C-alpha cells in the first residue's frame, strides 16, 4: 500500500472546493490571509475609513460544513450588511474547523445576520448557528511564581502576544505561594490569539508552567471582592508609618474627565459611567477607593483600586478617584 507524503495528502482533500475558492478570490480580488489557524478577510476591508466597529458588531457562526469556504460564506453574510472582517478557523488539512466569526460595520448588520441566518440551511440538511459573539477580552494566567513581577510578565507578554492593555496580579486562589494574573487585551481576537499562543507555547516563568484560560466571571468577582494588600507600614531606611504613593492629579480635574469623554465620543463608544466607593481612610488624609468605569462600547468594564487625597476641605474624594481611574483608562486606550 502506497502512502502519500503529508503535504500531498492534505492537498488532495476537498480539491474541488479549494479550486473554487482560489478562482473566486482571483475574480473578486479579495485578499485572504491565514495566520495561526485562522484565515481572515478585511480588518479593515478595502476602502474602509475610520476606527474599527464598536463592540456588539461581531457574530459567531457555528456548525459549518467543514468543506465550505469563503467563496460561499462571505457573499452570504455580506448580503445583509457591510463586513468589516470575516475569520474562518482552519485545520492543517485545509478543511475548516466548523466555525467562523463575522464582524460588521455596525450593530444593525450583526442583528440582521442573526435574524436571517440562525438555523439557516447553507446546504440541504446543514443548518448553521449564528449568534452574538461574546467578544471576551480577559484571560487568567494561574501558577505564576510569587517572585514574578508585573513588569517581568509584561515584558514576556509583549514579546509573544499583541494587544495587551493591562495586567493585574493576585495571590492564586488554587495554589499556595503562587500568583494569578488577569490579562486584559484590546479585542476578543487579540485575546483569543494570545490564549492560543500561550497555551501552545507551554509558557514558563521562573521555571513554573502556567495555565491560561478565559477569565471565568465567578473567579473575576471573587478576585475583585478580595482586599487589596494594604500599603507598607515601613519606608526604606526607616520605621515610621508610610503614606500611600500619591496619585498625580492634574491642576484641572475636569480636564481629564473631559478628555476621556471626548475620546469615547470620537470612537463611538458612548458616555463613560463611573462607580466609586470609599473602602478605607488613612490617618494622613488619604482615601482608598474601589472604582469601576463602564463604557457602553467596551465589552468589559475597567475596575481597580486607587488611593487619592481630597483636593480641599469638605471634599469627599470621589471626584479625585474618578480622575485617577480616568487617567488609567486613558493609558489603557493609548491616549495618555
Protein backbone atom coordinates (compact mmCIF):
# COMPACT_ATOMS: atom_id res chain seq x y z
CA UNK A 1 0.00 0.00 0.00
CA UNK A 2 1.41 3.39 -1.05
CA UNK A 3 1.26 6.28 1.44
CA UNK A 4 1.16 9.88 0.25
CA UNK A 5 3.58 12.39 1.84
CA UNK A 6 1.75 14.66 4.35
CA UNK A 7 1.74 17.73 2.05
CA UNK A 8 0.35 15.78 -0.91
CA UNK A 9 -2.21 14.12 1.38
CA UNK A 10 -3.53 17.45 2.71
CA UNK A 11 -3.57 18.98 -0.79
CA UNK A 12 -5.69 16.08 -2.04
CA UNK A 13 -8.51 16.81 0.44
CA UNK A 14 -11.52 18.74 -0.89
CA UNK A 15 -9.69 19.79 -4.07
CA UNK A 16 -12.78 20.93 -5.99
CA UNK A 17 -13.89 23.42 -3.32
CA UNK A 18 -10.33 24.66 -2.78
CA UNK A 19 -10.04 25.37 -6.51
CA UNK A 20 -13.41 27.15 -6.50
CA UNK A 21 -12.15 29.34 -3.63
CA UNK A 22 -8.94 30.22 -5.49
CA UNK A 23 -10.87 31.13 -8.65
CA UNK A 24 -13.34 33.26 -6.65
CA UNK A 25 -10.54 35.12 -4.85
CA UNK A 26 -8.83 35.79 -8.20
CA UNK A 27 -12.03 37.04 -9.85
CA UNK A 28 -13.09 39.30 -6.95
CA UNK A 29 -9.61 40.48 -5.94
CA UNK A 30 -10.40 39.60 -2.33
CA UNK A 31 -7.29 39.05 -0.22
CA UNK A 32 -7.38 36.22 2.33
CA UNK A 33 -4.58 35.95 4.90
CA UNK A 34 -4.02 32.82 7.00
CA UNK A 35 -2.30 33.26 10.38
CA UNK A 36 -2.14 30.82 13.31
CA UNK A 37 -5.02 28.57 12.35
CA UNK A 38 -7.44 31.15 11.02
CA UNK A 39 -7.97 32.68 7.59
CA UNK A 40 -9.01 36.31 7.61
CA UNK A 41 -10.61 38.80 5.25
CA UNK A 42 -10.65 42.52 6.00
CA UNK A 43 -9.79 44.20 9.31
CA UNK A 44 -10.01 46.63 7.59
CA UNK A 45 -11.66 45.79 4.26
CA UNK A 46 -10.72 47.76 1.12
CA UNK A 47 -11.90 51.37 1.23
CA UNK A 48 -12.52 51.42 4.99
CA UNK A 49 -12.02 54.84 6.61
CA UNK A 50 -12.04 55.50 10.36
CA UNK A 51 -11.88 53.45 13.55
CA UNK A 52 -12.83 49.76 13.80
CA UNK A 53 -16.50 49.00 14.57
CA UNK A 54 -17.56 49.07 18.26
CA UNK A 55 -18.32 46.04 20.43
CA UNK A 56 -21.53 44.20 19.59
CA UNK A 57 -20.88 44.07 15.84
CA UNK A 58 -19.45 40.54 15.66
CA UNK A 59 -21.39 37.28 15.27
CA UNK A 60 -20.32 33.69 15.88
CA UNK A 61 -21.10 31.18 13.12
CA UNK A 62 -21.18 27.51 14.11
CA UNK A 63 -22.00 24.06 12.66
CA UNK A 64 -20.44 24.93 9.30
CA UNK A 65 -19.78 22.10 6.83
CA UNK A 66 -16.01 21.64 7.00
CA UNK A 67 -15.58 21.68 3.23
CA UNK A 68 -17.25 25.11 2.83
CA UNK A 69 -15.11 28.19 2.28
CA UNK A 70 -15.21 31.98 1.99
CA UNK A 71 -16.38 31.95 -1.66
CA UNK A 72 -19.76 30.78 -0.30
CA UNK A 73 -19.74 32.32 3.19
CA UNK A 74 -18.55 35.90 2.56
CA UNK A 75 -21.15 36.69 -0.16
CA UNK A 76 -23.84 35.13 2.04
CA UNK A 77 -23.02 37.17 5.15
CA UNK A 78 -22.23 40.28 3.11
CA UNK A 79 -25.79 40.17 1.75
CA UNK A 80 -27.27 41.57 4.99
CA UNK A 81 -24.67 44.23 5.83
CA UNK A 82 -21.15 45.52 5.15
CA UNK A 83 -18.49 43.20 6.55
CA UNK A 84 -15.53 44.70 8.36
CA UNK A 85 -13.88 41.30 8.92
CA UNK A 86 -14.51 37.61 8.36
CA UNK A 87 -12.44 34.91 10.13
CA UNK A 88 -12.69 31.22 9.25
CA UNK A 89 -10.98 28.79 11.64
CA UNK A 90 -8.86 26.26 9.74
CA UNK A 91 -7.31 22.81 10.27
CA UNK A 92 -3.86 21.84 8.99
CA UNK A 93 -5.52 19.73 6.28
CA UNK A 94 -7.22 22.74 4.69
CA UNK A 95 -10.71 21.95 5.96
CA UNK A 96 -12.38 24.49 8.20
CA UNK A 97 -12.93 23.72 11.88
CA UNK A 98 -16.69 24.18 11.68
CA UNK A 99 -16.93 27.74 12.91
CA UNK A 100 -16.19 31.34 11.92
CA UNK A 101 -16.65 34.95 13.05
CA UNK A 102 -18.16 37.80 11.02
CA UNK A 103 -17.73 41.40 12.18
CA UNK A 104 -20.00 44.02 10.63
CA UNK A 105 -19.51 47.75 10.19
CA UNK A 106 -22.33 48.42 12.68
CA UNK A 107 -24.55 46.62 15.19
CA UNK A 108 -27.51 46.59 12.82
CA UNK A 109 -25.60 44.34 10.41
CA UNK A 110 -24.88 41.86 13.20
CA UNK A 111 -28.56 41.80 14.25
CA UNK A 112 -29.66 41.27 10.64
CA UNK A 113 -27.23 38.36 10.26
CA UNK A 114 -28.56 36.64 13.38
CA UNK A 115 -32.17 37.13 12.27
CA UNK A 116 -31.51 35.92 8.73
CA UNK A 117 -29.04 33.07 9.18
CA UNK A 118 -29.53 31.42 12.57
CA UNK A 119 -30.82 27.90 11.71
CA UNK A 120 -30.34 28.72 8.00
CA UNK A 121 -29.56 25.71 5.77
CA UNK A 122 -26.36 26.55 3.89
CA UNK A 123 -26.68 23.13 2.31
CA UNK A 124 -29.54 20.64 2.39
CA UNK A 125 -29.68 19.19 5.90
CA UNK A 126 -26.90 21.52 7.18
CA UNK A 127 -28.42 24.27 9.34
CA UNK A 128 -25.88 26.66 10.84
CA UNK A 129 -25.93 28.51 14.16
CA UNK A 130 -25.46 32.30 14.17
CA UNK A 131 -25.44 34.23 17.44
CA UNK A 132 -23.85 37.26 19.05
CA UNK A 133 -20.14 36.79 19.72
CA UNK A 134 -19.24 37.06 23.40
CA UNK A 135 -16.12 39.07 22.49
CA UNK A 136 -14.33 38.13 25.71
CA UNK A 137 -11.14 40.15 26.22
CA UNK A 138 -9.75 38.87 29.52
CA UNK A 139 -7.58 35.84 30.28
CA UNK A 140 -6.45 34.28 33.56
CA UNK A 141 -2.89 33.01 33.92
CA UNK A 142 -2.54 30.84 37.03
CA UNK A 143 0.54 29.24 38.57
CA UNK A 144 2.96 32.17 38.35
CA UNK A 145 5.82 32.08 40.84
CA UNK A 146 5.46 34.55 43.69
CA UNK A 147 8.72 36.18 42.58
CA UNK A 148 7.39 37.16 39.13
CA UNK A 149 6.79 40.91 38.91
CA UNK A 150 4.20 42.67 36.78
CA UNK A 151 6.99 44.29 34.74
CA UNK A 152 8.65 40.93 34.05
CA UNK A 153 5.33 39.37 32.99
CA UNK A 154 4.51 42.37 30.79
CA UNK A 155 7.88 42.05 29.01
CA UNK A 156 7.17 38.38 28.22
CA UNK A 157 3.61 39.03 27.03
CA UNK A 158 4.59 41.93 24.78
CA UNK A 159 7.23 39.71 23.21
CA UNK A 160 4.91 36.80 22.38
CA UNK A 161 1.44 38.40 22.10
CA UNK A 162 -0.13 41.60 20.76
CA UNK A 163 -2.70 43.99 22.19
CA UNK A 164 -2.22 43.53 25.94
CA UNK A 165 -3.79 46.52 27.73
CA UNK A 166 -3.39 45.73 31.41
CA UNK A 167 -2.04 43.11 33.82
CA UNK A 168 -3.26 42.64 37.39
CA UNK A 169 -1.58 40.21 39.79
CA UNK A 170 -3.39 38.40 42.63
CA UNK A 171 -2.48 35.63 45.05
CA UNK A 172 -3.54 32.40 43.36
CA UNK A 173 -6.80 31.03 44.82
CA UNK A 174 -5.77 27.49 43.83
CA UNK A 175 -2.05 27.22 44.58
CA UNK A 176 -0.01 28.19 47.61
CA UNK A 177 2.93 30.55 47.09
CA UNK A 178 1.78 31.27 43.52
CA UNK A 179 0.18 34.17 41.68
CA UNK A 180 -2.68 34.53 39.24
CA UNK A 181 -2.60 37.24 36.58
CA UNK A 182 -5.64 38.77 34.90
CA UNK A 183 -4.71 39.88 31.38
CA UNK A 184 -6.89 42.36 29.50
CA UNK A 185 -6.48 42.59 25.71
CA UNK A 186 -7.59 45.20 23.20
CA UNK A 187 -10.09 42.89 21.47
CA UNK A 188 -11.57 39.41 21.55
CA UNK A 189 -9.42 38.44 18.59
CA UNK A 190 -6.24 39.65 20.30
CA UNK A 191 -7.18 37.75 23.47
CA UNK A 192 -8.02 34.57 21.52
CA UNK A 193 -4.71 34.70 19.65
CA UNK A 194 -2.83 35.31 22.91
CA UNK A 195 -4.61 32.36 24.55
CA UNK A 196 -3.69 30.09 21.65
CA UNK A 197 -0.05 31.27 21.66
CA UNK A 198 0.37 30.97 25.43
CA UNK A 199 -1.28 27.54 25.62
CA UNK A 200 0.61 26.07 22.67
CA UNK A 201 3.91 27.62 23.68
CA UNK A 202 3.97 26.00 27.15
CA UNK A 203 4.94 29.38 28.57
CA UNK A 204 7.21 29.19 31.61
CA UNK A 205 8.16 31.93 34.03
CA UNK A 206 10.75 31.32 36.76
CA UNK A 207 10.68 27.62 35.87
CA UNK A 208 6.97 27.07 36.58
CA UNK A 209 4.42 26.03 33.99
CA UNK A 210 1.35 28.26 33.96
CA UNK A 211 -2.26 27.59 32.98
CA UNK A 212 -4.04 30.03 30.67
CA UNK A 213 -7.80 30.21 30.16
CA UNK A 214 -10.62 32.68 29.62
CA UNK A 215 -11.31 34.62 32.80
CA UNK A 216 -14.29 32.96 34.49
CA UNK A 217 -16.91 35.55 35.62
CA UNK A 218 -17.23 33.96 39.09
CA UNK A 219 -13.43 33.98 39.51
CA UNK A 220 -13.34 37.60 38.41
CA UNK A 221 -15.95 38.54 41.00
CA UNK A 222 -14.07 36.61 43.69
CA UNK A 223 -10.79 38.36 42.87
CA UNK A 224 -12.40 41.80 42.82
CA UNK A 225 -14.02 41.23 46.21
CA UNK A 226 -10.69 40.41 47.83
CA UNK A 227 -8.99 43.05 49.84
CA UNK A 228 -6.02 44.56 48.05
CA UNK A 229 -2.76 44.36 50.01
CA UNK A 230 -2.55 47.42 52.33
CA UNK A 231 0.27 49.89 51.77
CA UNK A 232 3.52 49.08 53.56
CA UNK A 233 3.81 50.39 57.11
CA UNK A 234 7.56 50.86 56.63
CA UNK A 235 9.59 53.05 54.36
CA UNK A 236 13.04 52.27 53.08
CA UNK A 237 15.62 53.19 55.71
CA UNK A 238 13.12 53.93 58.46
CA UNK A 239 10.31 52.59 60.62
CA UNK A 240 7.76 55.36 60.51
CA UNK A 241 4.29 54.70 59.04
CA UNK A 242 4.28 55.04 55.29
CA UNK A 243 1.88 57.09 53.18
CA UNK A 244 0.31 55.54 50.06
CA UNK A 245 2.01 56.65 46.88
CA UNK A 246 0.25 59.83 45.68
CA UNK A 247 -1.85 59.66 42.54
CA UNK A 248 -0.69 62.51 40.27
CA UNK A 249 -3.71 64.74 39.72
CA UNK A 250 -3.65 67.47 37.07
CA UNK A 251 -4.45 71.07 38.07
CA UNK A 252 -7.83 70.95 36.36
CA UNK A 253 -9.66 67.79 37.46
CA UNK A 254 -12.40 68.33 34.93
CA UNK A 255 -9.91 68.29 32.05
CA UNK A 256 -9.10 64.57 32.44
CA UNK A 257 -12.77 63.57 32.56
CA UNK A 258 -13.46 65.74 29.50
CA UNK A 259 -10.57 64.09 27.63
CA UNK A 260 -11.98 60.62 28.34
CA UNK A 261 -15.50 61.70 27.32
CA UNK A 262 -14.16 63.23 24.09
CA UNK A 263 -12.18 60.07 23.28
CA UNK A 264 -15.21 57.84 23.84
CA UNK A 265 -17.38 60.06 21.63
CA UNK A 266 -14.71 60.15 18.92
CA UNK A 267 -14.55 56.33 18.90
CA UNK A 268 -18.35 55.98 19.15
CA UNK A 269 -18.06 54.11 22.47
CA UNK A 270 -20.75 56.03 24.36
CA UNK A 271 -20.56 58.04 27.60
CA UNK A 272 -18.45 56.54 30.42
CA UNK A 273 -20.25 55.73 33.69
CA UNK A 274 -18.17 55.96 36.89
CA UNK A 275 -18.83 53.91 40.03
CA UNK A 276 -16.69 54.81 43.06
CA UNK A 277 -16.78 53.50 46.63
CA UNK A 278 -14.54 54.62 49.50
CA UNK A 279 -13.40 51.50 51.37
CA UNK A 280 -10.58 52.77 53.58
CA UNK A 281 -9.33 56.01 55.15
CA UNK A 282 -5.71 56.66 56.14
CA UNK A 283 -4.85 58.80 59.22
CA UNK A 284 -2.80 61.05 56.93
CA UNK A 285 -5.88 62.03 54.94
CA UNK A 286 -5.57 59.52 52.07
CA UNK A 287 -8.67 57.62 50.94
CA UNK A 288 -8.71 54.24 49.21
CA UNK A 289 -11.41 53.78 46.56
CA UNK A 290 -12.72 50.87 44.57
CA UNK A 291 -13.56 52.20 41.11
CA UNK A 292 -15.29 50.89 38.02
CA UNK A 293 -15.73 52.59 34.64
CA UNK A 294 -18.43 51.20 32.37
CA UNK A 295 -18.06 52.27 28.73
CA UNK A 296 -21.01 51.05 26.59
CA UNK A 297 -18.82 50.27 23.56
CA UNK A 298 -16.25 48.24 25.52
CA UNK A 299 -17.07 44.56 26.15
CA UNK A 300 -15.92 44.58 29.78
CA UNK A 301 -15.73 47.36 32.40
CA UNK A 302 -12.48 48.76 33.77
CA UNK A 303 -12.12 48.05 37.51
CA UNK A 304 -9.48 48.58 40.17
CA UNK A 305 -8.36 50.28 43.38
CA UNK A 306 -6.70 53.65 43.87
CA UNK A 307 -5.53 55.96 46.67
CA UNK A 308 -6.36 59.67 46.48
CA UNK A 309 -6.19 62.71 48.72
CA UNK A 310 -9.10 65.16 48.52
CA UNK A 311 -8.09 68.43 46.87
CA UNK A 312 -9.53 70.57 49.65
CA UNK A 313 -11.52 70.60 52.89
CA UNK A 314 -15.06 69.33 52.71
CA UNK A 315 -14.39 67.22 49.60
CA UNK A 316 -15.37 63.53 49.61
CA UNK A 317 -12.60 62.34 47.27
CA UNK A 318 -15.00 60.82 44.75
CA UNK A 319 -14.12 63.34 42.04
CA UNK A 320 -10.40 62.76 42.59
CA UNK A 321 -10.99 58.99 42.39
CA UNK A 322 -12.83 59.45 39.08
CA UNK A 323 -9.88 61.43 37.73
CA UNK A 324 -7.37 58.80 38.89
CA UNK A 325 -9.26 55.93 37.23
CA UNK A 326 -9.94 58.05 34.12
CA UNK A 327 -6.19 58.52 33.75
CA UNK A 328 -5.69 54.74 33.95
CA UNK A 329 -8.39 54.15 31.30
CA UNK A 330 -6.80 56.75 29.01
CA UNK A 331 -3.48 54.95 29.35
CA UNK A 332 -5.10 51.59 28.53
CA UNK A 333 -6.71 53.14 25.46
CA UNK A 334 -3.35 54.58 24.41
CA UNK A 335 -4.31 58.22 24.92
CA UNK A 336 -2.30 59.31 27.96
